[in-house]
Amino acid sequence: MEKNKKDKMPPCMILCGGMGTRLRDVTELLPKPMVPIGSQPIVWHIMKFYASYGITRFILCLGYKRETFIDYFMNYHQRMSDFTIKLDKPKNITYHDYYHHEEDWEVTLAYTGKNTMTGGRVFKASKYLKSDDEDFFLTYGDAVSDVDILKLYSFHKKHDKEVTITAINPAGRFGVLRLSGEAVTHFAEKPESEQDLINGGFMMMKKTFIEKYLNDDPTLILERMPMADAVSDKQMSAFVHKGFWQCMDVQREYEMLNKLWDEDKAPWKIWQ
């Protein structure tokens, strides 16, 4: 099933609440999803990427330094435009040149707790899913990729599992997957060898995953018991992506992503 981009697409939930301790030089001032690639935060790059596939509803799960997200989105239009303001009439603003395409995004900024773990964040933010949302995209606010979102969506619908993981194979330190065909048979938080596939984010979930595997416990880590239980129930499938994927976890990765962007070689930039 190849969906047309104009068809109604599910919303995208982005985990944006962590502190980014490995990127301490930058994240003492900014939460990691707000660390810039070029002139825009990495979360903007992720949203622009999803929007290129027709996704216009976003739910951001906020925690650490949530005020930086509020300031950014509340002043989004001003950041993207030249404008004239009459200081004695602050609501009287004339916008001039707009530096990017006008985004028709609906962005929900959901405070999910300063120290809440990933499972708890998804559970808390799920109240902003709509009644007719059968599925939703879920990803981390610190990684970019050129994964084909339409193919991921079609794969998820075809296999009809509660959760679909995008599996990648970089040298890494993330949650490891074992596959039998396209079904996940093992999920572990840490890798056991350099040949392991890892969870690269860019996931899809049925809304029913939330009621089956999540709860309001702020210590609940999505990548541990909920994922393990889904595997035990044979309710996780893996969409293998062999293209570009890169997180921004340490200073070297921050510099590399900015270099790709500055040289106009960013594989995730699929928009005009």
Protein backbone atom coordinates (compact mmCIF):
# COMPACT_ATOMS: atom_id res chain seq x y z
CA MET A 1 0.00 0.00 0.00
CA GLU A 2 1.60 3.24 -1.18
CA LYS A 3 -0.20 6.20 0.35
CA ASN A 4 -0.56 9.48 -1.48
CA LYS A 5 1.00 12.34 0.48
CA LYS A 6 -2.30 14.22 0.26
CA ASP A 7 -4.10 11.47 2.16
CA LYS A 8 -4.71 11.98 5.87
CA MET A 9 -1.60 10.92 7.73
CA PRO A 10 -1.31 9.99 11.41
CA PRO A 11 0.24 12.48 13.83
CA CYS A 12 3.85 12.34 14.95
CA MET A 13 4.84 12.30 18.61
CA ILE A 14 8.41 13.40 19.37
CA LEU A 15 10.22 12.67 22.63
CA CYS A 16 11.83 15.99 23.61
CA GLY A 17 12.10 15.83 27.39
CA GLY A 18 15.59 14.48 28.12
CA MET A 19 18.61 16.41 29.36
CA GLY A 20 21.21 15.29 26.80
CA THR A 21 24.00 14.85 29.33
CA ARG A 22 26.56 13.61 26.77
CA LEU A 23 26.25 16.92 24.91
CA ARG A 24 26.77 18.93 28.07
CA ASP A 25 28.65 21.88 26.52
CA VAL A 26 25.55 22.74 24.48
CA THR A 27 22.68 21.34 26.51
CA GLU A 28 23.45 23.34 29.64
CA LEU A 29 21.80 26.17 27.73
CA LEU A 30 19.41 24.23 25.47
CA PRO A 31 17.53 20.92 25.61
CA LYS A 32 19.03 18.59 23.03
CA PRO A 33 16.12 18.78 20.52
CA MET A 34 16.64 22.56 20.45
CA VAL A 35 20.37 22.32 19.64
CA PRO A 36 20.78 23.81 16.16
CA ILE A 37 21.77 22.26 12.88
CA GLY A 38 22.47 25.36 10.84
CA SER A 39 20.07 28.07 11.96
CA GLN A 40 17.25 25.78 13.14
CA PRO A 41 16.97 23.27 16.02
CA ILE A 42 17.23 19.58 15.21
CA VAL A 43 13.58 19.08 16.18
CA TRP A 44 12.63 21.49 13.35
CA HIS A 45 14.64 19.35 10.90
CA ILE A 46 12.77 16.25 12.12
CA MET A 47 9.41 17.99 11.76
CA LYS A 48 10.26 19.32 8.29
CA PHE A 49 11.24 15.78 7.28
CA TYR A 50 7.95 14.28 8.47
CA ALA A 51 6.00 17.17 6.97
CA SER A 52 7.53 16.33 3.59
CA TYR A 53 5.42 13.15 3.76
CA GLY A 54 2.20 15.01 4.51
CA ILE A 55 2.32 14.84 8.33
CA THR A 56 1.14 18.12 9.82
CA ARG A 57 0.18 17.26 13.42
CA PHE A 58 2.94 17.04 15.98
CA ILE A 59 2.90 16.32 19.70
CA LEU A 60 6.11 17.27 21.48
CA CYS A 61 6.71 15.51 24.82
CA LEU A 62 8.47 18.18 26.86
CA GLY A 63 10.40 18.11 30.11
CA TYR A 64 13.85 19.67 30.57
CA LYS A 65 13.86 23.40 29.72
CA ARG A 66 10.36 23.29 28.24
CA GLU A 67 10.33 27.10 28.14
CA THR A 68 12.78 27.10 25.23
CA PHE A 69 10.26 25.18 23.09
CA ILE A 70 7.47 27.55 24.14
CA ASP A 71 9.55 30.61 23.24
CA TYR A 72 10.57 29.12 19.89
CA PHE A 73 7.09 28.13 18.69
CA MET A 74 5.27 31.13 20.12
CA ASN A 75 7.66 33.37 18.17
CA TYR A 76 7.98 31.09 15.15
CA HIS A 77 6.61 33.48 12.55
CA GLN A 78 8.79 36.33 13.75
CA ARG A 79 11.87 34.08 13.64
CA MET A 80 11.17 33.19 10.02
CA SER A 81 10.35 36.67 8.68
CA ASP A 82 11.44 40.23 8.28
CA PHE A 83 8.77 42.34 9.96
CA THR A 84 7.92 45.84 11.05
CA ILE A 85 6.41 46.45 14.49
CA LYS A 86 4.95 49.65 15.91
CA LEU A 87 6.21 49.68 19.47
CA ASP A 88 3.29 51.75 20.73
CA LYS A 89 0.94 49.17 19.17
CA PRO A 90 2.73 45.82 19.68
CA LYS A 91 -0.04 43.84 17.97
CA ASN A 92 0.40 45.92 14.84
CA ILE A 93 2.98 43.81 12.97
CA THR A 94 3.61 43.87 9.23
CA TYR A 95 5.38 40.76 7.92
CA HIS A 96 7.62 41.01 4.90
CA ASP A 97 9.85 38.33 3.38
CA TYR A 98 9.27 34.84 4.75
CA TYR A 99 12.42 32.72 4.79
CA HIS A 100 10.82 29.29 4.60
CA HIS A 101 7.69 27.77 3.16
CA GLU A 102 4.68 28.53 5.33
CA GLU A 103 4.17 25.51 7.60
CA ASP A 104 0.60 24.30 8.09
CA TRP A 105 1.59 22.43 11.23
CA GLU A 106 -0.48 21.89 14.34
CA VAL A 107 2.02 21.63 17.21
CA THR A 108 0.97 20.52 20.68
CA LEU A 109 3.53 21.30 23.39
CA ALA A 110 2.80 18.71 26.07
CA TYR A 111 4.61 19.02 29.40
CA THR A 112 5.22 15.44 30.51
CA GLY A 113 7.37 16.09 33.59
CA LYS A 114 10.97 17.10 34.11
CA ASN A 115 12.26 13.66 35.09
CA THR A 116 9.65 11.39 33.47
CA MET A 117 11.02 8.45 31.49
CA THR A 118 10.08 7.74 27.87
CA GLY A 119 7.20 5.35 28.55
CA GLY A 120 5.64 7.78 31.00
CA ARG A 121 6.04 10.64 28.53
CA VAL A 122 4.23 8.81 25.74
CA PHE A 123 1.43 7.85 28.14
CA LYS A 124 1.00 11.43 29.39
CA ALA A 125 1.06 12.95 25.89
CA SER A 126 -1.32 10.37 24.46
CA LYS A 127 -4.31 12.38 25.71
CA TYR A 128 -3.66 14.70 22.77
CA LEU A 129 -4.21 11.95 20.22
CA LYS A 130 -7.60 12.27 18.57
CA SER A 131 -10.37 9.71 18.84
CA ASP A 132 -9.94 8.66 15.21
CA ASP A 133 -6.15 8.28 15.43
CA GLU A 134 -5.65 4.55 15.03
CA ASP A 135 -1.88 4.89 14.74
CA PHE A 136 0.80 7.47 15.38
CA PHE A 137 4.44 8.00 14.52
CA LEU A 138 6.88 8.17 17.41
CA THR A 139 10.50 9.23 17.31
CA TYR A 140 13.28 10.78 19.34
CA GLY A 141 14.05 14.48 19.15
CA ASP A 142 17.76 14.03 18.52
CA ALA A 143 18.15 11.94 15.34
CA VAL A 144 17.73 12.54 11.62
CA SER A 145 17.41 10.01 8.82
CA ASP A 146 16.31 9.53 5.21
CA VAL A 147 14.01 6.61 6.07
CA ASP A 148 11.03 6.44 3.70
CA ILE A 149 8.10 7.34 5.95
CA LEU A 150 5.45 6.23 3.43
CA LYS A 151 7.05 2.78 3.17
CA LEU A 152 7.32 2.61 6.96
CA TYR A 153 3.62 3.44 7.26
CA SER A 154 2.64 0.84 4.66
CA PHE A 155 4.84 -1.75 6.36
CA HIS A 156 3.23 -1.02 9.74
CA LYS A 157 -0.30 -1.37 8.36
CA LYS A 158 0.56 -4.54 6.44
CA HIS A 159 2.07 -6.35 9.43
CA ASP A 160 -0.64 -5.16 11.82
CA LYS A 161 1.51 -5.22 14.98
CA GLU A 162 1.14 -2.95 17.97
CA VAL A 163 4.53 -1.36 17.31
CA THR A 164 6.91 -1.12 14.36
CA ILE A 165 10.56 -0.28 14.97
CA THR A 166 12.89 1.14 12.34
CA ALA A 167 15.97 -1.09 12.63
CA ILE A 168 19.37 0.27 11.64
CA ASN A 169 22.93 -1.01 11.90
CA PRO A 170 25.40 1.68 12.95
CA ALA A 171 28.19 1.02 15.42
CA GLY A 172 26.29 1.97 18.52
CA ARG A 173 25.22 1.78 22.09
CA PHE A 174 21.44 1.55 21.79
CA GLY A 175 18.62 -0.99 22.09
CA VAL A 176 19.42 -4.19 20.19
CA LEU A 177 16.95 -6.12 18.03
CA ARG A 178 16.92 -9.76 16.93
CA LEU A 179 14.74 -10.59 13.94
CA SER A 180 13.01 -13.64 12.56
CA GLY A 181 12.04 -12.46 9.12
CA GLU A 182 10.37 -9.14 9.87
CA ALA A 183 9.21 -10.03 13.38
CA VAL A 184 11.22 -8.95 16.40
CA THR A 185 12.16 -11.90 18.63
CA HIS A 186 14.47 -10.12 21.07
CA PHE A 187 14.79 -6.57 22.35
CA ALA A 188 17.61 -5.53 24.67
CA GLU A 189 18.63 -2.08 25.85
CA LYS A 190 22.35 -2.47 25.06
CA PRO A 191 24.22 -4.05 22.12
CA GLU A 192 26.08 -7.32 22.43
CA SER A 193 28.14 -7.06 19.23
CA GLU A 194 28.92 -4.56 16.49
CA GLN A 195 26.74 -6.56 14.08
CA ASP A 196 23.55 -5.97 16.05
CA LEU A 197 20.64 -4.04 14.62
CA ILE A 198 19.49 -1.20 16.83
CA ASN A 199 16.27 0.72 17.37
CA GLY A 200 16.73 3.93 15.40
CA GLY A 201 13.45 5.51 16.46
CA PHE A 202 11.16 6.50 13.57
CA MET A 203 8.60 4.11 15.02
CA MET A 204 4.90 3.58 14.48
CA MET A 205 2.45 2.49 17.14
CA LYS A 206 -1.17 1.60 17.29
CA LYS A 207 -2.96 3.73 19.83
CA THR A 208 -3.92 0.48 21.54
CA PHE A 209 -0.23 -0.03 22.42
CA ILE A 210 -0.68 2.67 25.06
CA GLU A 211 -3.49 0.95 26.96
CA LYS A 212 -1.86 -2.47 26.65
CA TYR A 213 1.72 -1.66 27.61
CA LEU A 214 1.99 1.82 29.17
CA ASN A 215 0.80 3.50 32.34
CA ASP A 216 1.23 6.75 34.25
CA ASP A 217 4.33 5.62 36.16
CA PRO A 218 6.92 8.41 35.59
CA THR A 219 9.76 5.87 35.92
CA LEU A 220 8.43 3.69 33.08
CA ILE A 221 11.05 3.35 30.34
CA LEU A 222 9.51 2.57 26.96
CA GLU A 223 12.56 0.66 25.77
CA ARG A 224 12.50 -1.81 28.67
CA MET A 225 9.39 -3.60 29.92
CA PRO A 226 6.84 -2.20 27.42
CA MET A 227 8.98 -3.14 24.42
CA ALA A 228 9.97 -6.49 25.93
CA ASP A 229 6.32 -7.31 26.64
CA ALA A 230 5.34 -6.41 23.07
CA VAL A 231 8.05 -8.77 21.79
CA SER A 232 6.82 -11.55 24.10
CA ASP A 233 3.33 -11.04 22.70
CA LYS A 234 4.71 -11.12 19.14
CA GLN A 235 3.45 -7.57 18.67
CA MET A 236 6.61 -5.89 17.37
CA SER A 237 7.85 -5.82 13.78
CA ALA A 238 11.02 -4.28 12.34
CA PHE A 239 11.29 -2.10 9.26
CA VAL A 240 14.95 -2.41 8.27
CA HIS A 241 16.50 0.82 7.02
CA LYS A 242 19.89 0.63 5.31
CA GLY A 243 20.19 4.31 4.44
CA PHE A 244 21.30 7.34 6.40
CA TRP A 245 20.63 7.65 10.12
CA GLN A 246 22.45 9.73 12.68
CA CYS A 247 21.73 10.82 16.21
CA MET A 248 23.23 13.90 17.86
CA ASP A 249 24.45 12.43 21.12
CA VAL A 250 27.98 13.83 21.50
CA GLN A 251 29.95 16.85 20.33
CA ARG A 252 31.49 15.00 17.38
CA GLU A 253 28.03 14.11 16.03
CA TYR A 254 26.82 17.68 16.51
CA GLU A 255 29.75 18.96 14.46
CA MET A 256 29.28 16.29 11.77
CA LEU A 257 25.58 17.04 11.27
CA ASN A 258 26.27 20.75 11.04
CA LYS A 259 29.02 20.12 8.51
CA LEU A 260 26.63 18.08 6.33
CA TRP A 261 24.05 20.86 6.52
CA ASP A 262 26.52 23.67 5.82
CA GLU A 263 27.87 21.81 2.77
CA ASP A 264 24.33 21.15 1.47
CA LYS A 265 24.88 17.39 1.79
CA ALA A 266 22.24 16.61 4.44
CA PRO A 267 20.52 13.35 3.39
CA TRP A 268 17.46 14.12 5.53
CA LYS A 269 16.73 17.38 3.65
CA ILE A 270 14.13 16.10 1.20
CA TRP A 271 12.08 19.30 1.12
CA GLN A 272 12.60 22.23 -1.28
